């Protein structure tokens, strides 16, 4: 028996061109984020976006190679 007989996965696309797809809603609903990345969003990114709280807010500069998910 093969794993493919037990579990079905959708094909993983490494680069997604949003302007060239009509599946944006499905892609957003099925996007999976790691626990580590979720913690970074909560503790680093979202903290800088809380403009209603007093404190020193900083800009965010995201660097990454083409197709690494920066737009997410």
PDB file of N, CA and C in Angstrom:
ATOM      1  N   UNK A   1       0.846  -1.177   0.000  1.00  0.00           N
ATOM      2  CA  UNK A   1       0.000   0.000   0.000  1.00  0.00           C
ATOM      3  C   UNK A   1       0.892   1.242   0.000  1.00  0.00           C
ATOM      4  N   UNK A   2       0.499   2.252  -0.764  1.00  0.00           N
ATOM      5  CA  UNK A   2       1.238   3.507  -0.842  1.00  0.00           C
ATOM      6  C   UNK A   2       0.502   4.596  -0.068  1.00  0.00           C
ATOM      7  N   UNK A   3       1.274   5.589   0.419  1.00  0.00           N
ATOM      8  CA  UNK A   3       0.662   6.718   1.125  1.00  0.00           C
ATOM      9  C   UNK A   3      -0.381   7.406   0.258  1.00  0.00           C
ATOM     10  N   UNK A   4      -0.134   7.467  -1.042  1.00  0.00           N
ATOM     11  CA  UNK A   4      -1.063   8.152  -1.938  1.00  0.00           C
ATOM     12  C   UNK A   4      -2.426   7.473  -1.981  1.00  0.00           C
ATOM     13  N   UNK A   5      -2.486   6.226  -1.553  1.00  0.00           N
ATOM     14  CA  UNK A   5      -3.769   5.536  -1.485  1.00  0.00           C
ATOM     15  C   UNK A   5      -4.544   5.907  -0.215  1.00  0.00           C
ATOM     16  N   UNK A   6      -3.847   6.414   0.787  1.00  0.00           N
ATOM     17  CA  UNK A   6      -4.475   6.778   2.049  1.00  0.00           C
ATOM     18  C   UNK A   6      -4.765   8.275   2.173  1.00  0.00           C
ATOM     19  N   UNK A   7      -3.868   9.090   1.624  1.00  0.00           N
ATOM     20  CA  UNK A   7      -3.970  10.533   1.789  1.00  0.00           C
ATOM     21  C   UNK A   7      -3.864  11.203   0.427  1.00  0.00           C
ATOM     22  N   UNK A   8      -4.765  12.129   0.157  1.00  0.00           N
ATOM     23  CA  UNK A   8      -4.724  12.864  -1.097  1.00  0.00           C
ATOM     24  C   UNK A   8      -4.289  14.296  -0.822  1.00  0.00           C
ATOM     25  N   UNK A   9      -3.265  14.716  -1.508  1.00  0.00           N
ATOM     26  CA  UNK A   9      -2.764  16.075  -1.399  1.00  0.00           C
ATOM     27  C   UNK A   9      -2.991  16.799  -2.711  1.00  0.00           C
ATOM     28  N   UNK A  10      -3.264  18.097  -2.602  1.00  0.00           N
ATOM     29  CA  UNK A  10      -3.329  18.900  -3.804  1.00  0.00           C
ATOM     30  C   UNK A  10      -1.910  19.258  -4.203  1.00  0.00           C
ATOM     31  N   UNK A  11      -1.690  19.429  -5.484  1.00  0.00           N
ATOM     32  CA  UNK A  11      -0.373  19.777  -5.992  1.00  0.00           C
ATOM     33  C   UNK A  11       0.090  21.091  -5.374  1.00  0.00           C
ATOM     34  N   UNK A  12       1.313  21.120  -4.899  1.00  0.00           N
ATOM     35  CA  UNK A  12       1.876  22.308  -4.281  1.00  0.00           C
ATOM     36  C   UNK A  12       2.510  23.179  -5.351  1.00  0.00           C
ATOM     37  N   UNK A  13       2.088  24.422  -5.405  1.00  0.00           N
ATOM     38  CA  UNK A  13       2.671  25.371  -6.337  1.00  0.00           C
ATOM     39  C   UNK A  13       3.695  26.198  -5.581  1.00  0.00           C
ATOM     40  N   UNK A  14       4.897  26.300  -6.109  1.00  0.00           N
ATOM     41  CA  UNK A  14       5.942  27.036  -5.410  1.00  0.00           C
ATOM     42  C   UNK A  14       5.851  28.536  -5.644  1.00  0.00           C
ATOM     43  N   UNK A  15       5.318  28.950  -6.778  1.00  0.00           N
ATOM     44  CA  UNK A  15       5.134  30.368  -7.086  1.00  0.00           C
ATOM     45  C   UNK A  15       3.714  30.567  -7.578  1.00  0.00           C
ATOM     46  N   UNK A  16       3.000  31.504  -6.995  1.00  0.00           N
ATOM     47  CA  UNK A  16       1.608  31.762  -7.370  1.00  0.00           C
ATOM     48  C   UNK A  16       1.495  33.184  -7.880  1.00  0.00           C
ATOM     49  N   UNK A  17       1.002  33.328  -9.084  1.00  0.00           N
ATOM     50  CA  UNK A  17       0.749  34.649  -9.664  1.00  0.00           C
ATOM     51  C   UNK A  17      -0.731  34.952  -9.449  1.00  0.00           C
ATOM     52  N   UNK A  18      -1.042  35.810  -8.466  1.00  0.00           N
ATOM     53  CA  UNK A  18      -2.428  36.085  -8.123  1.00  0.00           C
ATOM     54  C   UNK A  18      -3.214  36.672  -9.285  1.00  0.00           C
ATOM     55  N   UNK A  19      -2.580  37.512 -10.084  1.00  0.00           N
ATOM     56  CA  UNK A  19      -3.307  38.127 -11.188  1.00  0.00           C
ATOM     57  C   UNK A  19      -3.616  37.115 -12.290  1.00  0.00           C
ATOM     58  N   UNK A  20      -3.032  35.932 -12.228  1.00  0.00           N
ATOM     59  CA  UNK A  20      -3.245  34.925 -13.261  1.00  0.00           C
ATOM     60  C   UNK A  20      -4.050  33.728 -12.754  1.00  0.00           C
ATOM     61  N   UNK A  21      -4.714  33.876 -11.634  1.00  0.00           N
ATOM     62  CA  UNK A  21      -5.473  32.743 -11.107  1.00  0.00           C
ATOM     63  C   UNK A  21      -6.880  33.175 -10.704  1.00  0.00           C
ATOM     64  N   UNK A  22      -7.813  32.268 -10.829  1.00  0.00           N
ATOM     65  CA  UNK A  22      -9.176  32.522 -10.372  1.00  0.00           C
ATOM     66  C   UNK A  22      -9.465  31.713  -9.106  1.00  0.00           C
ATOM     67  N   UNK A  23      -8.397  31.231  -8.451  1.00  0.00           N
ATOM     68  CA  UNK A  23      -8.537  30.399  -7.254  1.00  0.00           C
ATOM     69  C   UNK A  23      -8.043  31.103  -5.996  1.00  0.00           C
ATOM     70  N   UNK A  24      -8.059  32.412  -5.985  1.00  0.00           N
ATOM     71  CA  UNK A  24      -7.497  33.158  -4.852  1.00  0.00           C
ATOM     72  C   UNK A  24      -8.179  32.775  -3.546  1.00  0.00           C
ATOM     73  N   UNK A  25      -9.491  32.691  -3.545  1.00  0.00           N
ATOM     74  CA  UNK A  25     -10.218  32.361  -2.303  1.00  0.00           C
ATOM     75  C   UNK A  25      -9.803  30.988  -1.783  1.00  0.00           C
ATOM     76  N   UNK A  26      -9.698  30.003  -2.665  1.00  0.00           N
ATOM     77  CA  UNK A  26      -9.280  28.659  -2.251  1.00  0.00           C
ATOM     78  C   UNK A  26      -7.845  28.675  -1.726  1.00  0.00           C
ATOM     79  N   UNK A  27      -6.967  29.409  -2.388  1.00  0.00           N
ATOM     80  CA  UNK A  27      -5.577  29.483  -1.944  1.00  0.00           C
ATOM     81  C   UNK A  27      -5.471  30.097  -0.558  1.00  0.00           C
ATOM     82  N   UNK A  28      -6.254  31.137  -0.300  1.00  0.00           N
ATOM     83  CA  UNK A  28      -6.217  31.783   1.012  1.00  0.00           C
ATOM     84  C   UNK A  28      -6.786  30.864   2.082  1.00  0.00           C
ATOM     85  N   UNK A  29      -7.878  30.178   1.782  1.00  0.00           N
ATOM     86  CA  UNK A  29      -8.505  29.280   2.765  1.00  0.00           C
ATOM     87  C   UNK A  29      -7.620  28.086   3.102  1.00  0.00           C
ATOM     88  N   UNK A  30      -6.813  27.624   2.159  1.00  0.00           N
ATOM     89  CA  UNK A  30      -6.013  26.422   2.375  1.00  0.00           C
ATOM     90  C   UNK A  30      -4.559  26.726   2.698  1.00  0.00           C
ATOM     91  N   UNK A  31      -4.217  28.006   2.866  1.00  0.00           N
ATOM     92  CA  UNK A  31      -2.836  28.370   3.190  1.00  0.00           C
ATOM     93  C   UNK A  31      -2.492  27.875   4.588  1.00  0.00           C
ATOM     94  N   UNK A  32      -1.383  27.204   4.722  1.00  0.00           N
ATOM     95  CA  UNK A  32      -0.956  26.639   6.005  1.00  0.00           C
ATOM     96  C   UNK A  32       0.275  27.393   6.480  1.00  0.00           C
ATOM     97  N   UNK A  33       0.252  27.779   7.735  1.00  0.00           N
ATOM     98  CA  UNK A  33       1.367  28.515   8.320  1.00  0.00           C
ATOM     99  C   UNK A  33       1.908  27.717   9.498  1.00  0.00           C
ATOM    100  N   UNK A  34       3.220  27.724   9.647  1.00  0.00           N
ATOM    101  CA  UNK A  34       3.836  26.975  10.747  1.00  0.00           C
ATOM    102  C   UNK A  34       3.609  27.696  12.074  1.00  0.00           C
ATOM    103  N   UNK A  35       3.729  26.961  13.161  1.00  0.00           N
ATOM    104  CA  UNK A  35       3.588  27.552  14.501  1.00  0.00           C
ATOM    105  C   UNK A  35       4.651  28.622  14.723  1.00  0.00           C
ATOM    106  N   UNK A  36       5.865  28.367  14.252  1.00  0.00           N
ATOM    107  CA  UNK A  36       6.949  29.332  14.423  1.00  0.00           C
ATOM    108  C   UNK A  36       6.636  30.639  13.693  1.00  0.00           C
ATOM    109  N   UNK A  37       6.130  30.534  12.470  1.00  0.00           N
ATOM    110  CA  UNK A  37       5.801  31.738  11.714  1.00  0.00           C
ATOM    111  C   UNK A  37       4.613  32.458  12.344  1.00  0.00           C
ATOM    112  N   UNK A  38       3.631  31.727  12.850  1.00  0.00           N
ATOM    113  CA  UNK A  38       2.490  32.349  13.529  1.00  0.00           C
ATOM    114  C   UNK A  38       2.959  33.139  14.748  1.00  0.00           C
ATOM    115  N   UNK A  39       3.891  32.581  15.506  1.00  0.00           N
ATOM    116  CA  UNK A  39       4.434  33.293  16.671  1.00  0.00           C
ATOM    117  C   UNK A  39       5.170  34.557  16.251  1.00  0.00           C
ATOM    118  N   UNK A  40       5.913  34.480  15.150  1.00  0.00           N
ATOM    119  CA  UNK A  40       6.627  35.665  14.668  1.00  0.00           C
ATOM    120  C   UNK A  40       5.644  36.742  14.234  1.00  0.00           C
ATOM    121  N   UNK A  41       4.576  36.350  13.562  1.00  0.00           N
ATOM    122  CA  UNK A  41       3.557  37.329  13.181  1.00  0.00           C
ATOM    123  C   UNK A  41       2.953  37.984  14.413  1.00  0.00           C
ATOM    124  N   UNK A  42       2.569  37.169  15.386  1.00  0.00           N
ATOM    125  CA  UNK A  42       1.929  37.701  16.598  1.00  0.00           C
ATOM    126  C   UNK A  42       2.858  38.589  17.410  1.00  0.00           C
ATOM    127  N   UNK A  43       4.094  38.180  17.561  1.00  0.00           N
ATOM    128  CA  UNK A  43       5.010  38.896  18.444  1.00  0.00           C
ATOM    129  C   UNK A  43       5.785  40.021  17.767  1.00  0.00           C
ATOM    130  N   UNK A  44       5.966  39.949  16.474  1.00  0.00           N
ATOM    131  CA  UNK A  44       6.755  40.967  15.784  1.00  0.00           C
ATOM    132  C   UNK A  44       5.908  41.857  14.878  1.00  0.00           C
ATOM    133  N   UNK A  45       5.237  41.243  13.929  1.00  0.00           N
ATOM    134  CA  UNK A  45       4.522  42.011  12.901  1.00  0.00           C
ATOM    135  C   UNK A  45       3.289  42.692  13.472  1.00  0.00           C
ATOM    136  N   UNK A  46       2.401  41.930  14.062  1.00  0.00           N
ATOM    137  CA  UNK A  46       1.142  42.506  14.560  1.00  0.00           C
ATOM    138  C   UNK A  46       1.388  43.541  15.652  1.00  0.00           C
ATOM    139  N   UNK A  47       2.430  43.328  16.427  1.00  0.00           N
ATOM    140  CA  UNK A  47       2.767  44.288  17.485  1.00  0.00           C
ATOM    141  C   UNK A  47       3.077  45.658  16.891  1.00  0.00           C
ATOM    142  N   UNK A  48       3.718  45.696  15.753  1.00  0.00           N
ATOM    143  CA  UNK A  48       4.060  46.962  15.106  1.00  0.00           C
ATOM    144  C   UNK A  48       2.850  47.620  14.440  1.00  0.00           C
ATOM    145  N   UNK A  49       1.785  46.881  14.239  1.00  0.00           N
ATOM    146  CA  UNK A  49       0.583  47.409  13.581  1.00  0.00           C
ATOM    147  C   UNK A  49      -0.469  47.903  14.569  1.00  0.00           C
ATOM    148  N   UNK A  50      -0.199  47.816  15.871  1.00  0.00           N
ATOM    149  CA  UNK A  50      -1.151  48.271  16.895  1.00  0.00           C
ATOM    150  C   UNK A  50      -0.948  49.773  17.130  1.00  0.00           C
ATOM    151  N   UNK A  51      -1.520  50.578  16.253  1.00  0.00           N
ATOM    152  CA  UNK A  51      -1.312  52.021  16.312  1.00  0.00           C
ATOM    153  C   UNK A  51      -2.138  52.694  17.397  1.00  0.00           C
ATOM    154  N   UNK A  52      -3.135  51.996  17.948  1.00  0.00           N
ATOM    155  CA  UNK A  52      -3.939  52.584  19.010  1.00  0.00           C
ATOM    156  C   UNK A  52      -3.269  52.469  20.384  1.00  0.00           C
ATOM    157  N   UNK A  53      -2.128  51.792  20.452  1.00  0.00           N
ATOM    158  CA  UNK A  53      -1.397  51.662  21.698  1.00  0.00           C
ATOM    159  C   UNK A  53      -0.166  52.572  21.663  1.00  0.00           C
ATOM    160  N   UNK A  54       0.161  53.128  22.800  1.00  0.00           N
ATOM    161  CA  UNK A  54       1.322  54.002  22.901  1.00  0.00           C
ATOM    162  C   UNK A  54       2.590  53.150  22.863  1.00  0.00           C
ATOM    163  N   UNK A  55       3.569  53.633  22.152  1.00  0.00           N
ATOM    164  CA  UNK A  55       4.835  52.918  22.098  1.00  0.00           C
ATOM    165  C   UNK A  55       5.591  53.253  20.829  1.00  0.00           C
ATOM    166  N   UNK A  56       6.804  52.816  20.767  1.00  0.00           N
ATOM    167  CA  UNK A  56       7.665  53.077  19.619  1.00  0.00           C
ATOM    168  C   UNK A  56       7.389  52.035  18.537  1.00  0.00           C
ATOM    169  N   UNK A  57       6.752  52.458  17.475  1.00  0.00           N
ATOM    170  CA  UNK A  57       6.462  51.543  16.363  1.00  0.00           C
ATOM    171  C   UNK A  57       7.548  51.686  15.312  1.00  0.00           C
ATOM    172  N   UNK A  58       7.889  50.587  14.688  1.00  0.00           N
ATOM    173  CA  UNK A  58       8.945  50.571  13.693  1.00  0.00           C
ATOM    174  C   UNK A  58       8.384  50.076  12.364  1.00  0.00           C
ATOM    175  N   UNK A  59       9.052  50.421  11.300  1.00  0.00           N
ATOM    176  CA  UNK A  59       8.675  49.916   9.993  1.00  0.00           C
ATOM    177  C   UNK A  59       9.110  48.468   9.827  1.00  0.00           C
ATOM    178  N   UNK A  60       8.475  47.786   8.918  1.00  0.00           N
ATOM    179  CA  UNK A  60       8.819  46.397   8.645  1.00  0.00           C
ATOM    180  C   UNK A  60       9.331  46.297   7.211  1.00  0.00           C
ATOM    181  N   UNK A  61      10.451  45.648   7.029  1.00  0.00           N
ATOM    182  CA  UNK A  61      11.036  45.464   5.712  1.00  0.00           C
ATOM    183  C   UNK A  61      11.207  43.971   5.503  1.00  0.00           C
ATOM    184  N   UNK A  62      10.472  43.407   4.564  1.00  0.00           N
ATOM    185  CA  UNK A  62      10.489  41.966   4.334  1.00  0.00           C
ATOM    186  C   UNK A  62      11.383  41.665   3.148  1.00  0.00           C
ATOM    187  N   UNK A  63      12.350  40.796   3.368  1.00  0.00           N
ATOM    188  CA  UNK A  63      13.299  40.417   2.328  1.00  0.00           C
ATOM    189  C   UNK A  63      13.163  38.919   2.069  1.00  0.00           C
ATOM    190  N   UNK A  64      13.163  38.550   0.811  1.00  0.00           N
ATOM    191  CA  UNK A  64      13.121  37.135   0.465  1.00  0.00           C
ATOM    192  C   UNK A  64      13.260  36.948  -1.030  1.00  0.00           C
ATOM    193  N   UNK A  65      13.675  35.781  -1.415  1.00  0.00           N
ATOM    194  CA  UNK A  65      13.818  35.464  -2.826  1.00  0.00           C
ATOM    195  C   UNK A  65      12.466  35.352  -3.508  1.00  0.00           C
ATOM    196  N   UNK A  66      12.476  35.407  -4.820  1.00  0.00           N
ATOM    197  CA  UNK A  66      11.258  35.256  -5.604  1.00  0.00           C
ATOM    198  C   UNK A  66      10.594  33.918  -5.271  1.00  0.00           C
ATOM    199  N   UNK A  67       9.285  33.975  -4.998  1.00  0.00           N
ATOM    200  CA  UNK A  67       8.533  32.760  -4.744  1.00  0.00           C
ATOM    201  C   UNK A  67       8.606  32.245  -3.321  1.00  0.00           C
ATOM    202  N   UNK A  68       9.079  33.064  -2.378  1.00  0.00           N
ATOM    203  CA  UNK A  68       9.203  32.581  -0.997  1.00  0.00           C
ATOM    204  C   UNK A  68       8.029  32.990  -0.108  1.00  0.00           C
ATOM    205  N   UNK A  69       6.997  33.606  -0.676  1.00  0.00           N
ATOM    206  CA  UNK A  69       5.795  33.897   0.091  1.00  0.00           C
ATOM    207  C   UNK A  69       5.750  35.251   0.750  1.00  0.00           C
ATOM    208  N   UNK A  70       6.555  36.193   0.304  1.00  0.00           N
ATOM    209  CA  UNK A  70       6.572  37.521   0.909  1.00  0.00           C
ATOM    210  C   UNK A  70       5.202  38.197   0.828  1.00  0.00           C
ATOM    211  N   UNK A  71       4.500  38.006  -0.258  1.00  0.00           N
ATOM    212  CA  UNK A  71       3.207  38.670  -0.425  1.00  0.00           C
ATOM    213  C   UNK A  71       2.147  38.131   0.524  1.00  0.00           C
ATOM    214  N   UNK A  72       2.365  36.945   1.096  1.00  0.00           N
ATOM    215  CA  UNK A  72       1.397  36.415   2.049  1.00  0.00           C
ATOM    216  C   UNK A  72       1.432  37.215   3.310  1.00  0.00           C
TER     217      UNK A  72
END
